[in-house]
Each structure stands twice: as structure tokens, then as C-alpha cells.
Amino acid sequence: MVAADSSNLGKTYSLLMIKSFLIWTFTLAVCLLVVGFPLVVLMATVGCLLSIVLQSVMPVSAVLLVAGGLILFNVMAVVLAAGVLTAKGVHPKQIKWLSWLHGEAEQLQTTVYAACPLTCDIKM
């Protein structure tokens, strides 16, 4: 009975770790595409210049090599960052600025209607 309970806890813990890793991977990929757009433009510019320079050395596969390297660099950065955050035990629900991820909207101010000061205190 004890072995079955520890096996279920291990499976549950591993599923939670996989879920956290996948959520971090999705979140970091979205943040890279949306917030990191200037970084993507800079990487594309450097990639174009690098492929022009490499064109003289290896004319057939310079563009393929540079494009594949940039894509691999981005994917590995996202996966590595998600792995580090998961290994440290940081869950996306603990991060305040990720409220959009789990459906909790921050209320900046409450709405006060113009008629409320006149009618809110009236009890029938």
C-alpha cells in the first residue's frame, strides 16, 4: 500500500513538472515573439549580414546554415530558460505580471457610476 502511494506521488510530481515546463515554454515563446520583436529584427539583420559574408566561403549552404543556426539558437534559449525555471520550482502562477496567462485580470480601478452617491446609501 505504501509503495503504491509513493508511486502515485511520483507520477503526480512528474506530471506537474512537465506541465510547468510546457507552460513556461509557451510563455517564453510568446514573450519572445511579442516583446522581443526588436531582438528578432536585430537577429535577422545580423543573420543577413553573416550569410552575405559566408556566401564567399560556402556558396551553397550559407543561408541555410545561418537561418538554421538562428532558429536553433532561439529554440534552445526558450527551452533552456524554461528548464531552468522549472528546475528552480518557479511556477507561472507565482509571477505577478503573468496574470494574463491564467485568466486573472488585474483591476486597476473600480467603476463609480454618477448616480451612485445619490442612490447607494438608500436602504429600503
C-alpha atoms as a PDB file:
ATOM      1  CA  MET A   1       0.000   0.000   0.000  1.00  0.00           C
ATOM      2  CA  VAL A   2       2.815   2.416   0.858  1.00  0.00           C
ATOM      3  CA  ALA A   3       4.650   1.645  -2.404  1.00  0.00           C
ATOM      4  CA  ALA A   4       1.507   2.390  -4.417  1.00  0.00           C
ATOM      5  CA  ASP A   5       1.073   5.750  -2.678  1.00  0.00           C
ATOM      6  CA  SER A   6       4.675   6.797  -3.332  1.00  0.00           C
ATOM      7  CA  SER A   7       4.368   5.719  -6.972  1.00  0.00           C
ATOM      8  CA  ASN A   8       1.271   7.893  -7.428  1.00  0.00           C
ATOM      9  CA  LEU A   9       3.031  10.849  -5.780  1.00  0.00           C
ATOM     10  CA  GLY A  10       5.995  10.425  -8.107  1.00  0.00           C
ATOM     11  CA  LYS A  11       3.746  10.318 -11.149  1.00  0.00           C
ATOM     12  CA  THR A  12       1.814  13.360  -9.961  1.00  0.00           C
ATOM     13  CA  TYR A  13       5.001  15.304  -9.275  1.00  0.00           C
ATOM     14  CA  SER A  14       6.465  14.426 -12.666  1.00  0.00           C
ATOM     15  CA  LEU A  15       3.230  15.428 -14.422  1.00  0.00           C
ATOM     16  CA  LEU A  16       3.252  18.756 -12.567  1.00  0.00           C
ATOM     17  CA  MET A  17       6.871  19.321 -13.615  1.00  0.00           C
ATOM     18  CA  ILE A  18       6.053  18.525 -17.258  1.00  0.00           C
ATOM     19  CA  LYS A  19       3.020  20.812 -17.123  1.00  0.00           C
ATOM     20  CA  SER A  20       5.097  23.626 -15.628  1.00  0.00           C
ATOM     21  CA  PHE A  21       7.810  23.131 -18.262  1.00  0.00           C
ATOM     22  CA  LEU A  22       5.292  23.263 -21.108  1.00  0.00           C
ATOM     23  CA  ILE A  23       3.610  26.368 -19.697  1.00  0.00           C
ATOM     24  CA  TRP A  24       6.995  28.087 -19.331  1.00  0.00           C
ATOM     25  CA  THR A  25       7.950  27.083 -22.876  1.00  0.00           C
ATOM     26  CA  PHE A  26       4.722  28.544 -24.269  1.00  0.00           C
ATOM     27  CA  THR A  27       5.009  31.713 -22.182  1.00  0.00           C
ATOM     28  CA  LEU A  28       8.629  32.385 -23.080  1.00  0.00           C
ATOM     29  CA  ALA A  29       7.990  31.726 -26.779  1.00  0.00           C
ATOM     30  CA  VAL A  30       5.080  34.175 -26.796  1.00  0.00           C
ATOM     31  CA  CYS A  31       7.119  36.765 -24.914  1.00  0.00           C
ATOM     32  CA  LEU A  32       9.984  36.338 -27.372  1.00  0.00           C
ATOM     33  CA  LEU A  33       7.669  36.890 -30.327  1.00  0.00           C
ATOM     34  CA  VAL A  34       5.701  39.792 -28.877  1.00  0.00           C
ATOM     35  CA  VAL A  35       8.021  41.678 -26.548  1.00  0.00           C
ATOM     36  CA  GLY A  36      11.281  40.593 -28.154  1.00  0.00           C
ATOM     37  CA  PHE A  37      10.369  41.809 -31.629  1.00  0.00           C
ATOM     38  CA  PRO A  38      13.266  44.319 -31.754  1.00  0.00           C
ATOM     39  CA  LEU A  39      15.597  41.492 -30.766  1.00  0.00           C
ATOM     40  CA  VAL A  40      14.221  39.338 -33.590  1.00  0.00           C
ATOM     41  CA  VAL A  41      14.756  42.192 -36.065  1.00  0.00           C
ATOM     42  CA  LEU A  42      18.330  42.609 -34.816  1.00  0.00           C
ATOM     43  CA  MET A  43      18.988  38.871 -35.151  1.00  0.00           C
ATOM     44  CA  ALA A  44      17.565  38.880 -38.684  1.00  0.00           C
ATOM     45  CA  THR A  45      19.830  41.781 -39.631  1.00  0.00           C
ATOM     46  CA  VAL A  46      22.898  40.083 -38.197  1.00  0.00           C
ATOM     47  CA  GLY A  47      21.842  36.849 -39.907  1.00  0.00           C
ATOM     48  CA  CYS A  48      21.579  38.558 -43.279  1.00  0.00           C
ATOM     49  CA  LEU A  49      24.999  40.127 -42.892  1.00  0.00           C
ATOM     50  CA  LEU A  50      26.500  36.851 -41.723  1.00  0.00           C
ATOM     51  CA  SER A  51      25.024  34.935 -44.644  1.00  0.00           C
ATOM     52  CA  ILE A  52      26.464  37.516 -47.070  1.00  0.00           C
ATOM     53  CA  VAL A  53      29.909  37.087 -45.502  1.00  0.00           C
ATOM     54  CA  LEU A  54      29.637  33.280 -45.505  1.00  0.00           C
ATOM     55  CA  GLN A  55      28.433  33.255 -49.111  1.00  0.00           C
ATOM     56  CA  SER A  56      32.011  33.656 -50.321  1.00  0.00           C
ATOM     57  CA  VAL A  57      33.258  30.743 -48.223  1.00  0.00           C
ATOM     58  CA  MET A  58      30.437  28.236 -48.767  1.00  0.00           C
ATOM     59  CA  PRO A  59      28.144  29.444 -51.539  1.00  0.00           C
ATOM     60  CA  VAL A  60      25.632  26.594 -51.453  1.00  0.00           C
ATOM     61  CA  SER A  61      24.551  26.424 -47.818  1.00  0.00           C
ATOM     62  CA  ALA A  62      25.384  29.779 -46.229  1.00  0.00           C
ATOM     63  CA  VAL A  63      21.795  30.999 -45.935  1.00  0.00           C
ATOM     64  CA  LEU A  64      20.564  27.601 -44.748  1.00  0.00           C
ATOM     65  CA  LEU A  65      23.316  27.397 -42.150  1.00  0.00           C
ATOM     66  CA  VAL A  66      22.688  30.888 -40.777  1.00  0.00           C
ATOM     67  CA  ALA A  67      18.889  30.544 -40.734  1.00  0.00           C
ATOM     68  CA  GLY A  68      19.071  27.133 -39.096  1.00  0.00           C
ATOM     69  CA  GLY A  69      21.548  28.433 -36.536  1.00  0.00           C
ATOM     70  CA  LEU A  70      19.359  31.394 -35.595  1.00  0.00           C
ATOM     71  CA  ILE A  71      16.246  29.236 -35.286  1.00  0.00           C
ATOM     72  CA  LEU A  72      18.153  26.660 -33.235  1.00  0.00           C
ATOM     73  CA  PHE A  73      19.548  29.424 -31.002  1.00  0.00           C
ATOM     74  CA  ASN A  74      16.041  30.795 -30.312  1.00  0.00           C
ATOM     75  CA  VAL A  75      14.513  27.376 -29.642  1.00  0.00           C
ATOM     76  CA  MET A  76      17.386  26.331 -27.375  1.00  0.00           C
ATOM     77  CA  ALA A  77      17.213  29.628 -25.444  1.00  0.00           C
ATOM     78  CA  VAL A  78      13.487  29.172 -24.790  1.00  0.00           C
ATOM     79  CA  VAL A  79      13.841  25.502 -23.821  1.00  0.00           C
ATOM     80  CA  LEU A  80      16.868  26.167 -21.596  1.00  0.00           C
ATOM     81  CA  ALA A  81      15.174  29.077 -19.811  1.00  0.00           C
ATOM     82  CA  ALA A  82      12.004  27.008 -19.308  1.00  0.00           C
ATOM     83  CA  GLY A  83      14.083  24.137 -17.946  1.00  0.00           C
ATOM     84  CA  VAL A  84      15.929  26.382 -15.501  1.00  0.00           C
ATOM     85  CA  LEU A  85      12.711  27.976 -14.247  1.00  0.00           C
ATOM     86  CA  THR A  86      11.070  24.572 -13.876  1.00  0.00           C
ATOM     87  CA  ALA A  87      14.090  23.112 -12.083  1.00  0.00           C
ATOM     88  CA  LYS A  88      14.120  26.026  -9.631  1.00  0.00           C
ATOM     89  CA  GLY A  89      10.470  25.305  -8.850  1.00  0.00           C
ATOM     90  CA  VAL A  90       9.108  28.607 -10.089  1.00  0.00           C
ATOM     91  CA  HIS A  91       5.530  28.149 -11.292  1.00  0.00           C
ATOM     92  CA  PRO A  92       3.977  30.666 -13.696  1.00  0.00           C
ATOM     93  CA  LYS A  93       1.141  31.362 -11.230  1.00  0.00           C
ATOM     94  CA  GLN A  94       3.710  32.805  -8.816  1.00  0.00           C
ATOM     95  CA  ILE A  95       4.736  35.524 -11.255  1.00  0.00           C
ATOM     96  CA  LYS A  96       2.644  38.666 -10.849  1.00  0.00           C
ATOM     97  CA  TRP A  97       2.973  40.016 -14.401  1.00  0.00           C
ATOM     98  CA  LEU A  98       1.749  36.710 -15.902  1.00  0.00           C
ATOM     99  CA  SER A  99      -1.837  37.216 -14.751  1.00  0.00           C
ATOM    100  CA  TRP A 100      -2.947  37.131 -18.423  1.00  0.00           C
ATOM    101  CA  LEU A 101      -1.757  33.528 -18.592  1.00  0.00           C
ATOM    102  CA  HIS A 102      -4.136  32.075 -16.023  1.00  0.00           C
ATOM    103  CA  GLY A 103      -7.127  34.292 -16.653  1.00  0.00           C
ATOM    104  CA  GLU A 104      -6.858  36.682 -13.726  1.00  0.00           C
ATOM    105  CA  ALA A 105      -7.242  40.261 -14.814  1.00  0.00           C
ATOM    106  CA  GLU A 106      -5.773  42.987 -12.666  1.00  0.00           C
ATOM    107  CA  GLN A 107      -8.329  45.583 -11.728  1.00  0.00           C
ATOM    108  CA  LEU A 108      -6.668  48.957 -11.945  1.00  0.00           C
ATOM    109  CA  GLN A 109      -9.655  50.953 -10.763  1.00  0.00           C
ATOM    110  CA  THR A 110     -13.243  50.275  -9.878  1.00  0.00           C
ATOM    111  CA  THR A 111     -16.079  51.871 -11.768  1.00  0.00           C
ATOM    112  CA  VAL A 112     -18.085  54.502  -9.898  1.00  0.00           C
ATOM    113  CA  TYR A 113     -21.332  55.486 -11.526  1.00  0.00           C
ATOM    114  CA  ALA A 114     -22.513  59.082 -11.404  1.00  0.00           C
ATOM    115  CA  ALA A 115     -25.832  58.208  -9.718  1.00  0.00           C
ATOM    116  CA  CYS A 116     -24.201  56.047  -7.046  1.00  0.00           C
ATOM    117  CA  PRO A 117     -23.508  58.790  -4.472  1.00  0.00           C
ATOM    118  CA  LEU A 118     -27.201  59.671  -4.587  1.00  0.00           C
ATOM    119  CA  THR A 119     -28.690  56.167  -4.507  1.00  0.00           C
ATOM    120  CA  CYS A 120     -26.152  53.788  -2.982  1.00  0.00           C
ATOM    121  CA  ASP A 121     -26.876  54.670   0.642  1.00  0.00           C
ATOM    122  CA  ILE A 122     -30.654  54.376   0.326  1.00  0.00           C
ATOM    123  CA  LYS A 123     -31.975  51.269   2.085  1.00  0.00           C
ATOM    124  CA  MET A 124     -35.490  50.083   1.520  1.00  0.00           C
END
